[in-house]
Amino acid sequence: MGKANEQRKAPGNNSSRALKFIFLLGMVSLFADVTYEGARSITGPFLSVLGASATVLGIVTGAAEFTGYGLRLAAGYLADRTEKYWLFTLLGYTVNLLAVPALAFAGRWEWAAVLIILERFGKAIRTPARDTMLSYATTEVGRGWGFAIHEAMDQIGAVCGPLIVAAVLYFQGTYQAGFGILFFPAVLALLTLFAAKIHYPAPRELEVKRERDTEAAGSGQKGKLPPVFWWYTIFTAFTVAGYAHFALISYHLKAQGVVPDARIPVLFAVAMGVDALVALITGKMYDRTGLSLLVSVPLLSLPLPFLVFSGNPSSALAGIILWGAVMGIQETIMRAAIADLTPVTSRGFAYGIFNTTYGLAWFAGSALLGFFYDLSPGYVIGFVIATQLLAIPFLLVAKKNQAPGKAS
């Protein structure tokens, strides 16, 4: 028994176990993203068909994102306090995934809005716990690289989901049929998640022991977070507020007739493919450069509104590619940085605070962008430029306050 435990804790074996765990969670995310990213690729046009305006769309999608991020504060805090990371993950994924095929039965935009928000509610419950477990497995393989592997697998699903929906629409199917077919990947995601729970009942064992000891010794009071975390979170809030949701972009593409309906989810799939590729590249780069790489988020976001809200299909395609690249950096490096900037004993709480702020920013930004779009796309451009430029100084302050020994 003792020999088996020593073998399990050996560095090389632990690294292999960590990679397998990352892969399993990646498979869960792959199937999950087929489900809800497939749905999100047609949310804008679907609400439009049901009679929603751009302002209503902005409020609904913003409220959904706020729910999906805002409630993570409580979820992360409770996950840390109870250490029942698997319970929160399993419950959240169940709600998150089953709300999607239920959209097939929504005949009014109000009911569709409820289900869209419910789907994000499930994501709010499970994400801090899942990311905390994932962070345990990234200490040996590299924070950026570990989260990049997970994000790349996640985005494979995000590519497949919209393509499946596009195929349904192409063959004269309805939006309801598109939502209905997503029930099958939802079931596969839940089955894979239960398999991961059985094989890895205690993921914290994957954390490198010397890192746990060092962080525990230097973390001070449990729940207290360092100043760099707060500066970094403010930077994130500004850059996310000025980042247009795909629902608004797809609404524009349909309303202005920029591309045919069936091509809109294909464009979303292109963006997710770019997201996956950029995630792998920037994940490795982050492990070498640290926070410095994140200045690319506001800089790359500046030209986005000029491209995605144009009436030219080629410009829209270029904008979608750039949009996917920014999303890849956000979904990989921003999550990885939290694990580097916070103590292990408060990591779930830190993810909760970070994601709550992220959700508030996305809600406010989405609502304002939808409102500005109804007035004039020119106001959208001005808002994006202002928020992205305001974000940069906060990143510089965060770098200045970063603890010695961390990549910068």
Protein backbone atom coordinates (compact mmCIF):
# COMPACT_ATOMS: atom_id res chain seq x y z
CA MET A 1 0.00 0.00 0.00
CA GLY A 2 2.78 2.44 0.98
CA LYS A 3 4.75 1.57 -2.14
CA ALA A 4 1.67 2.20 -4.27
CA ASN A 5 1.20 5.61 -2.70
CA GLU A 6 4.85 6.50 -3.29
CA GLN A 7 4.52 5.47 -6.90
CA ARG A 8 1.36 7.53 -7.31
CA LYS A 9 3.10 10.63 -5.91
CA ALA A 10 6.27 10.24 -7.96
CA PRO A 11 6.88 13.39 -10.03
CA GLY A 12 6.79 11.71 -13.43
CA ASN A 13 3.73 9.65 -12.61
CA ASN A 14 1.97 12.66 -11.12
CA SER A 15 2.64 14.61 -14.31
CA SER A 16 1.13 11.82 -16.38
CA ARG A 17 -1.94 11.69 -14.13
CA ALA A 18 -2.29 15.45 -14.36
CA LEU A 19 -2.25 15.36 -18.16
CA LYS A 20 -4.86 12.60 -18.20
CA PHE A 21 -7.06 14.62 -15.88
CA ILE A 22 -6.70 17.72 -18.08
CA PHE A 23 -7.59 15.57 -21.09
CA LEU A 24 -10.72 14.17 -19.41
CA LEU A 25 -11.94 17.62 -18.41
CA GLY A 26 -11.10 18.73 -21.94
CA MET A 27 -13.36 16.00 -23.34
CA VAL A 28 -16.16 17.15 -21.05
CA SER A 29 -15.72 20.70 -22.32
CA LEU A 30 -15.55 19.48 -25.91
CA PHE A 31 -18.97 17.83 -25.74
CA ALA A 32 -20.35 20.65 -23.61
CA ASP A 33 -19.23 23.25 -26.14
CA VAL A 34 -20.80 21.32 -28.99
CA THR A 35 -24.00 21.79 -27.01
CA TYR A 36 -24.05 25.37 -25.81
CA GLU A 37 -21.78 27.01 -28.39
CA GLY A 38 -23.89 25.39 -31.08
CA ALA A 39 -26.86 27.09 -29.45
CA ARG A 40 -25.09 30.43 -28.96
CA SER A 41 -24.17 30.56 -32.66
CA ILE A 42 -27.87 31.10 -33.49
CA THR A 43 -29.10 32.88 -30.34
CA GLY A 44 -29.08 36.30 -32.00
CA PRO A 45 -31.01 35.30 -35.14
CA PHE A 46 -33.39 33.08 -33.08
CA LEU A 47 -34.35 35.94 -30.75
CA SER A 48 -34.72 38.18 -33.78
CA VAL A 49 -37.19 35.73 -35.36
CA LEU A 50 -39.11 35.66 -32.08
CA GLY A 51 -39.48 39.45 -32.21
CA ALA A 52 -36.68 40.77 -29.98
CA SER A 53 -34.99 44.10 -30.79
CA ALA A 54 -31.24 44.73 -30.64
CA THR A 55 -31.68 46.48 -27.27
CA VAL A 56 -33.62 43.50 -25.90
CA LEU A 57 -30.98 41.18 -27.32
CA GLY A 58 -28.21 43.17 -25.64
CA ILE A 59 -30.03 43.09 -22.30
CA VAL A 60 -30.86 39.37 -22.50
CA THR A 61 -27.36 38.27 -23.52
CA GLY A 62 -25.81 40.69 -21.05
CA ALA A 63 -28.05 39.42 -18.25
CA ALA A 64 -27.20 35.86 -19.20
CA GLU A 65 -23.47 36.57 -19.11
CA PHE A 66 -23.84 38.44 -15.83
CA THR A 67 -25.67 35.45 -14.36
CA GLY A 68 -23.02 33.13 -15.77
CA TYR A 69 -20.21 35.15 -14.24
CA GLY A 70 -21.79 37.06 -11.35
CA LEU A 71 -22.95 34.02 -9.41
CA ARG A 72 -19.48 32.51 -9.57
CA LEU A 73 -18.51 34.63 -6.57
CA ALA A 74 -20.89 32.68 -4.33
CA ALA A 75 -20.15 29.40 -6.11
CA GLY A 76 -16.39 29.84 -5.76
CA TYR A 77 -16.65 30.85 -2.11
CA LEU A 78 -18.87 27.89 -1.25
CA ALA A 79 -16.67 25.49 -3.21
CA ASP A 80 -13.63 26.63 -1.19
CA ARG A 81 -15.49 26.50 2.11
CA THR A 82 -16.99 23.04 1.56
CA GLU A 83 -14.22 21.66 -0.69
CA LYS A 84 -16.99 19.85 -2.60
CA TYR A 85 -15.60 20.79 -5.99
CA TRP A 86 -17.05 17.78 -7.73
CA LEU A 87 -20.57 18.43 -6.41
CA PHE A 88 -20.61 21.98 -7.78
CA THR A 89 -19.13 20.81 -11.08
CA LEU A 90 -21.63 18.00 -11.59
CA LEU A 91 -24.68 20.06 -10.60
CA GLY A 92 -23.63 23.02 -12.73
CA TYR A 93 -22.96 21.00 -15.87
CA THR A 94 -26.34 19.26 -15.58
CA VAL A 95 -28.27 22.55 -15.50
CA ASN A 96 -25.95 24.19 -18.02
CA LEU A 97 -26.35 21.47 -20.64
CA LEU A 98 -30.01 20.45 -20.34
CA ALA A 99 -31.27 24.04 -20.72
CA VAL A 100 -29.98 24.08 -24.31
CA PRO A 101 -32.19 21.44 -25.98
CA ALA A 102 -35.12 22.89 -24.03
CA LEU A 103 -34.84 25.97 -26.28
CA ALA A 104 -36.44 23.84 -29.00
CA PHE A 105 -39.75 24.31 -27.16
CA ALA A 106 -39.52 28.09 -26.72
CA GLY A 107 -42.20 29.84 -28.78
CA ARG A 108 -41.68 33.36 -27.36
CA TRP A 109 -38.51 35.38 -26.88
CA GLU A 110 -39.35 35.75 -23.16
CA TRP A 111 -39.22 31.98 -22.63
CA ALA A 112 -36.09 31.69 -24.73
CA ALA A 113 -34.51 34.42 -22.58
CA VAL A 114 -35.28 32.44 -19.41
CA LEU A 115 -33.58 29.32 -20.81
CA ILE A 116 -30.59 31.29 -22.09
CA ILE A 117 -30.11 32.76 -18.62
CA LEU A 118 -30.66 29.34 -16.98
CA GLU A 119 -27.93 27.82 -19.16
CA ARG A 120 -25.50 30.49 -17.94
CA PHE A 121 -26.69 29.91 -14.34
CA GLY A 122 -25.51 26.31 -14.60
CA LYS A 123 -22.18 27.47 -15.95
CA ALA A 124 -21.83 29.85 -13.00
CA ILE A 125 -22.24 27.01 -10.52
CA ARG A 126 -19.66 24.70 -12.06
CA THR A 127 -16.92 26.94 -13.46
CA PRO A 128 -15.01 28.09 -10.31
CA ALA A 129 -14.92 24.53 -8.97
CA ARG A 130 -13.88 23.05 -12.31
CA ASP A 131 -11.19 25.69 -12.90
CA THR A 132 -9.85 25.18 -9.39
CA MET A 133 -9.54 21.42 -9.99
CA LEU A 134 -7.95 22.14 -13.37
CA SER A 135 -5.44 24.51 -11.77
CA TYR A 136 -4.25 21.69 -9.49
CA ALA A 137 -3.28 19.69 -12.56
CA THR A 138 -1.36 22.52 -14.28
CA THR A 139 1.46 23.07 -11.79
CA GLU A 140 3.85 20.56 -13.41
CA VAL A 141 2.84 21.01 -17.06
CA GLY A 142 2.73 24.82 -16.88
CA ARG A 143 -0.23 27.06 -16.10
CA GLY A 144 -0.55 28.49 -19.58
CA TRP A 145 0.02 25.18 -21.36
CA GLY A 146 -2.38 23.24 -19.12
CA PHE A 147 -5.19 25.76 -19.59
CA ALA A 148 -4.31 25.97 -23.30
CA ILE A 149 -4.80 22.21 -23.78
CA HIS A 150 -8.15 22.43 -22.05
CA GLU A 151 -9.18 25.50 -24.07
CA ALA A 152 -8.12 23.91 -27.38
CA MET A 153 -10.24 20.83 -26.71
CA ASP A 154 -13.04 23.09 -25.54
CA GLN A 155 -12.91 24.96 -28.83
CA ILE A 156 -12.94 21.81 -30.95
CA GLY A 157 -16.43 21.36 -29.57
CA ALA A 158 -17.16 25.03 -30.18
CA VAL A 159 -16.28 24.50 -33.85
CA CYS A 160 -18.34 21.31 -34.23
CA GLY A 161 -21.47 22.61 -32.50
CA PRO A 162 -22.12 25.56 -34.84
CA LEU A 163 -21.32 23.39 -37.87
CA ILE A 164 -23.92 20.84 -36.76
CA VAL A 165 -26.48 23.61 -36.34
CA ALA A 166 -25.49 25.11 -39.71
CA ALA A 167 -26.08 21.72 -41.36
CA VAL A 168 -29.56 21.54 -39.82
CA LEU A 169 -30.39 25.02 -41.13
CA TYR A 170 -28.89 24.29 -44.54
CA PHE A 171 -31.09 21.25 -45.04
CA GLN A 172 -34.19 23.38 -44.49
CA GLY A 173 -34.38 22.66 -40.80
CA THR A 174 -35.66 25.07 -38.19
CA TYR A 175 -33.90 26.77 -35.29
CA GLN A 176 -35.91 24.49 -33.00
CA ALA A 177 -34.49 21.42 -34.76
CA GLY A 178 -31.00 22.85 -34.34
CA PHE A 179 -31.49 23.17 -30.58
CA GLY A 180 -33.07 19.73 -30.31
CA ILE A 181 -30.18 17.83 -31.87
CA LEU A 182 -27.84 19.27 -29.24
CA PHE A 183 -29.36 16.97 -26.62
CA PHE A 184 -27.00 14.16 -27.71
CA PRO A 185 -23.64 15.89 -27.06
CA ALA A 186 -25.08 17.12 -23.76
CA VAL A 187 -25.55 13.52 -22.63
CA LEU A 188 -22.02 12.57 -23.77
CA ALA A 189 -20.57 15.47 -21.75
CA LEU A 190 -22.33 14.34 -18.58
CA LEU A 191 -21.24 10.71 -19.02
CA THR A 192 -17.60 11.77 -19.50
CA LEU A 193 -17.82 14.00 -16.43
CA PHE A 194 -19.01 11.11 -14.25
CA ALA A 195 -16.12 8.99 -15.57
CA ALA A 196 -13.65 11.73 -14.57
CA LYS A 197 -15.20 11.88 -11.10
CA ILE A 198 -14.78 8.13 -10.66
CA HIS A 199 -11.12 8.11 -11.76
CA TYR A 200 -10.07 11.33 -9.98
CA PRO A 201 -12.12 11.68 -6.77
CA ALA A 202 -9.47 13.96 -5.15
CA PRO A 203 -7.94 16.25 -7.83
CA ARG A 204 -5.99 18.34 -5.30
CA GLU A 205 -3.54 15.46 -5.02
CA LEU A 206 -2.35 16.50 -8.48
CA GLU A 207 -1.05 19.84 -7.17
CA VAL A 208 2.73 19.79 -6.82
CA LYS A 209 3.33 19.37 -3.08
CA ARG A 210 6.17 21.88 -2.83
CA GLU A 211 3.97 24.54 -4.46
CA ARG A 212 1.11 23.84 -2.07
CA ASP A 213 3.43 24.17 0.89
CA THR A 214 5.01 27.40 -0.38
CA GLU A 215 1.69 29.03 -1.14
CA ALA A 216 0.12 27.94 2.12
CA ALA A 217 3.06 29.39 4.05
CA GLY A 218 2.92 32.72 2.24
CA SER A 219 -0.80 33.12 1.76
CA GLY A 220 -1.55 34.71 5.13
CA GLN A 221 -5.18 34.86 6.16
CA LYS A 222 -7.41 32.53 4.19
CA GLY A 223 -9.58 34.48 1.76
CA LYS A 224 -7.21 37.48 1.56
CA LEU A 225 -6.12 38.25 -1.98
CA PRO A 226 -3.04 40.26 -3.04
CA PRO A 227 -3.28 43.77 -4.61
CA VAL A 228 -2.07 42.51 -8.00
CA PHE A 229 -5.24 40.41 -8.25
CA TRP A 230 -7.47 43.46 -7.89
CA TRP A 231 -5.57 45.57 -10.43
CA TYR A 232 -5.65 42.65 -12.84
CA THR A 233 -9.40 42.22 -12.33
CA ILE A 234 -10.07 45.92 -13.08
CA PHE A 235 -8.03 45.61 -16.29
CA THR A 236 -10.15 42.62 -17.27
CA ALA A 237 -13.39 44.50 -16.56
CA PHE A 238 -12.56 47.34 -18.95
CA THR A 239 -11.37 45.16 -21.79
CA VAL A 240 -14.35 42.78 -21.50
CA ALA A 241 -16.88 45.65 -21.41
CA GLY A 242 -15.66 46.75 -24.83
CA TYR A 243 -15.71 43.27 -26.35
CA ALA A 244 -18.87 42.70 -28.43
CA HIS A 245 -20.83 39.51 -27.80
CA PHE A 246 -21.27 37.26 -30.83
CA ALA A 247 -25.04 37.46 -30.36
CA LEU A 248 -24.92 41.16 -31.27
CA ILE A 249 -22.51 40.51 -34.14
CA SER A 250 -24.76 37.76 -35.54
CA TYR A 251 -27.79 40.01 -35.05
CA HIS A 252 -26.06 42.62 -37.24
CA LEU A 253 -25.12 40.04 -39.87
CA LYS A 254 -28.75 38.93 -40.16
CA ALA A 255 -30.42 42.34 -39.82
CA GLN A 256 -28.19 43.89 -42.49
CA GLY A 257 -28.21 40.80 -44.72
CA VAL A 258 -24.40 40.68 -44.73
CA VAL A 259 -24.37 36.87 -45.07
CA PRO A 260 -27.07 34.18 -45.43
CA ASP A 261 -28.55 32.75 -42.22
CA ALA A 262 -26.93 29.33 -42.63
CA ARG A 263 -23.49 30.95 -42.91
CA ILE A 264 -23.68 32.75 -39.55
CA PRO A 265 -23.01 29.63 -37.40
CA VAL A 266 -20.23 28.70 -39.86
CA LEU A 267 -18.56 32.04 -39.13
CA PHE A 268 -18.89 31.29 -35.41
CA ALA A 269 -17.23 27.93 -36.00
CA VAL A 270 -14.37 29.71 -37.79
CA ALA A 271 -13.95 31.98 -34.77
CA MET A 272 -13.85 29.00 -32.42
CA GLY A 273 -11.25 27.28 -34.59
CA VAL A 274 -9.07 30.38 -34.43
CA ASP A 275 -9.69 30.47 -30.67
CA ALA A 276 -8.31 26.91 -30.30
CA LEU A 277 -5.18 27.62 -32.34
CA VAL A 278 -4.43 30.91 -30.60
CA ALA A 279 -5.01 29.28 -27.20
CA LEU A 280 -2.24 26.72 -27.80
CA ILE A 281 0.21 29.34 -29.08
CA THR A 282 -0.42 31.96 -26.40
CA GLY A 283 -0.61 29.37 -23.62
CA LYS A 284 3.01 28.42 -24.24
CA MET A 285 3.99 32.07 -24.63
CA TYR A 286 2.36 33.00 -21.32
CA ASP A 287 4.49 30.47 -19.42
CA ARG A 288 7.54 32.43 -20.67
CA THR A 289 6.29 36.04 -20.63
CA GLY A 290 3.54 36.20 -18.00
CA LEU A 291 1.16 39.16 -17.78
CA SER A 292 2.98 41.16 -20.47
CA LEU A 293 1.25 39.09 -23.15
CA LEU A 294 -2.19 40.32 -22.05
CA VAL A 295 -1.65 43.77 -23.52
CA SER A 296 -2.55 42.09 -26.81
CA VAL A 297 -6.21 41.83 -25.69
CA PRO A 298 -7.09 45.55 -25.79
CA LEU A 299 -4.80 46.20 -28.76
CA LEU A 300 -6.39 43.48 -30.87
CA SER A 301 -9.88 44.53 -29.76
CA LEU A 302 -9.54 48.09 -31.10
CA PRO A 303 -10.13 47.28 -34.81
CA LEU A 304 -12.93 44.76 -34.12
CA PRO A 305 -15.99 47.05 -34.41
CA PHE A 306 -14.75 48.51 -37.70
CA LEU A 307 -14.73 44.99 -39.17
CA VAL A 308 -17.58 43.02 -37.60
CA PHE A 309 -20.16 45.81 -37.90
CA SER A 310 -19.37 46.64 -41.49
CA GLY A 311 -21.66 45.67 -44.34
CA ASN A 312 -18.91 43.89 -46.25
CA PRO A 313 -18.75 40.04 -46.03
CA SER A 314 -14.95 40.00 -46.37
CA SER A 315 -14.50 42.57 -43.61
CA ALA A 316 -16.93 40.64 -41.43
CA LEU A 317 -14.92 37.45 -41.96
CA ALA A 318 -11.68 39.21 -41.04
CA GLY A 319 -13.36 40.62 -37.95
CA ILE A 320 -14.68 37.21 -36.92
CA ILE A 321 -11.16 35.74 -37.20
CA LEU A 322 -9.78 38.55 -35.03
CA TRP A 323 -12.70 38.14 -32.60
CA GLY A 324 -11.83 34.45 -32.22
CA ALA A 325 -8.16 35.27 -31.58
CA VAL A 326 -9.06 37.66 -28.75
CA MET A 327 -11.43 35.08 -27.28
CA GLY A 328 -8.64 32.48 -27.34
CA ILE A 329 -6.37 34.76 -25.32
CA GLN A 330 -9.14 35.67 -22.87
CA GLU A 331 -10.24 32.10 -22.24
CA THR A 332 -6.71 30.77 -21.77
CA ILE A 333 -4.35 33.32 -20.29
CA MET A 334 -6.85 35.23 -18.18
CA ARG A 335 -7.83 32.02 -16.36
CA ALA A 336 -4.24 30.82 -16.05
CA ALA A 337 -3.11 34.13 -14.55
CA ILE A 338 -5.57 33.83 -11.65
CA ALA A 339 -3.90 30.60 -10.54
CA ASP A 340 -0.51 32.34 -10.64
CA LEU A 341 -1.65 35.49 -8.80
CA THR A 342 -3.59 33.92 -5.92
CA PRO A 343 -2.88 31.47 -3.05
CA VAL A 344 -4.14 27.92 -3.42
CA THR A 345 -6.30 28.15 -0.27
CA SER A 346 -8.42 30.94 -1.78
CA ARG A 347 -8.28 30.06 -5.46
CA GLY A 348 -11.94 29.11 -5.87
CA PHE A 349 -12.95 32.39 -4.18
CA ALA A 350 -10.54 34.30 -6.43
CA TYR A 351 -12.03 32.69 -9.53
CA GLY A 352 -15.47 33.60 -8.20
CA ILE A 353 -14.59 37.28 -7.68
CA PHE A 354 -12.79 37.48 -11.02
CA ASN A 355 -15.69 35.92 -12.90
CA THR A 356 -18.28 38.05 -11.11
CA THR A 357 -16.45 41.18 -12.23
CA TYR A 358 -16.11 39.68 -15.71
CA GLY A 359 -19.85 39.08 -15.82
CA LEU A 360 -20.75 42.56 -14.55
CA ALA A 361 -18.50 44.09 -17.21
CA TRP A 362 -19.95 41.90 -19.95
CA PHE A 363 -23.51 42.68 -18.86
CA ALA A 364 -22.94 46.43 -18.78
CA GLY A 365 -20.94 46.32 -22.00
CA SER A 366 -23.47 44.16 -23.87
CA ALA A 367 -26.42 46.29 -22.81
CA LEU A 368 -24.65 49.50 -23.79
CA LEU A 369 -23.39 48.08 -27.07
CA GLY A 370 -26.91 46.93 -27.98
CA PHE A 371 -28.30 50.36 -27.06
CA PHE A 372 -25.59 52.17 -29.02
CA TYR A 373 -26.13 49.87 -32.00
CA ASP A 374 -29.83 50.83 -32.12
CA LEU A 375 -28.75 54.48 -32.17
CA SER A 376 -25.84 54.18 -34.59
CA PRO A 377 -22.93 51.74 -35.13
CA GLY A 378 -20.61 54.74 -34.81
CA TYR A 379 -21.35 54.92 -31.09
CA VAL A 380 -20.32 51.26 -30.81
CA ILE A 381 -16.92 52.07 -32.29
CA GLY A 382 -16.37 54.97 -29.88
CA PHE A 383 -17.32 52.88 -26.84
CA VAL A 384 -15.00 50.03 -27.78
CA ILE A 385 -12.03 52.35 -28.34
CA ALA A 386 -12.59 54.14 -25.01
CA THR A 387 -12.86 50.98 -22.88
CA GLN A 388 -9.89 49.23 -24.46
CA LEU A 389 -7.59 52.24 -24.05
CA LEU A 390 -8.69 52.64 -20.42
CA ALA A 391 -7.80 49.00 -19.72
CA ILE A 392 -4.09 49.26 -20.53
CA PRO A 393 -2.94 51.41 -17.53
CA PHE A 394 -4.48 48.94 -15.08
CA LEU A 395 -2.50 46.07 -16.62
CA LEU A 396 0.70 48.11 -16.23
CA VAL A 397 -0.08 48.70 -12.54
CA ALA A 398 -0.83 44.99 -12.09
CA LYS A 399 2.56 44.08 -13.55
CA LYS A 400 4.24 46.56 -11.22
CA ASN A 401 2.55 44.97 -8.19
CA GLN A 402 3.28 41.39 -9.23
CA ALA A 403 5.26 39.36 -6.69
CA PRO A 404 8.96 38.79 -7.46
CA GLY A 405 9.74 35.43 -9.03
CA LYS A 406 6.63 35.34 -11.22
CA ALA A 407 6.88 35.75 -14.97
CA SER A 408 6.17 39.30 -16.02
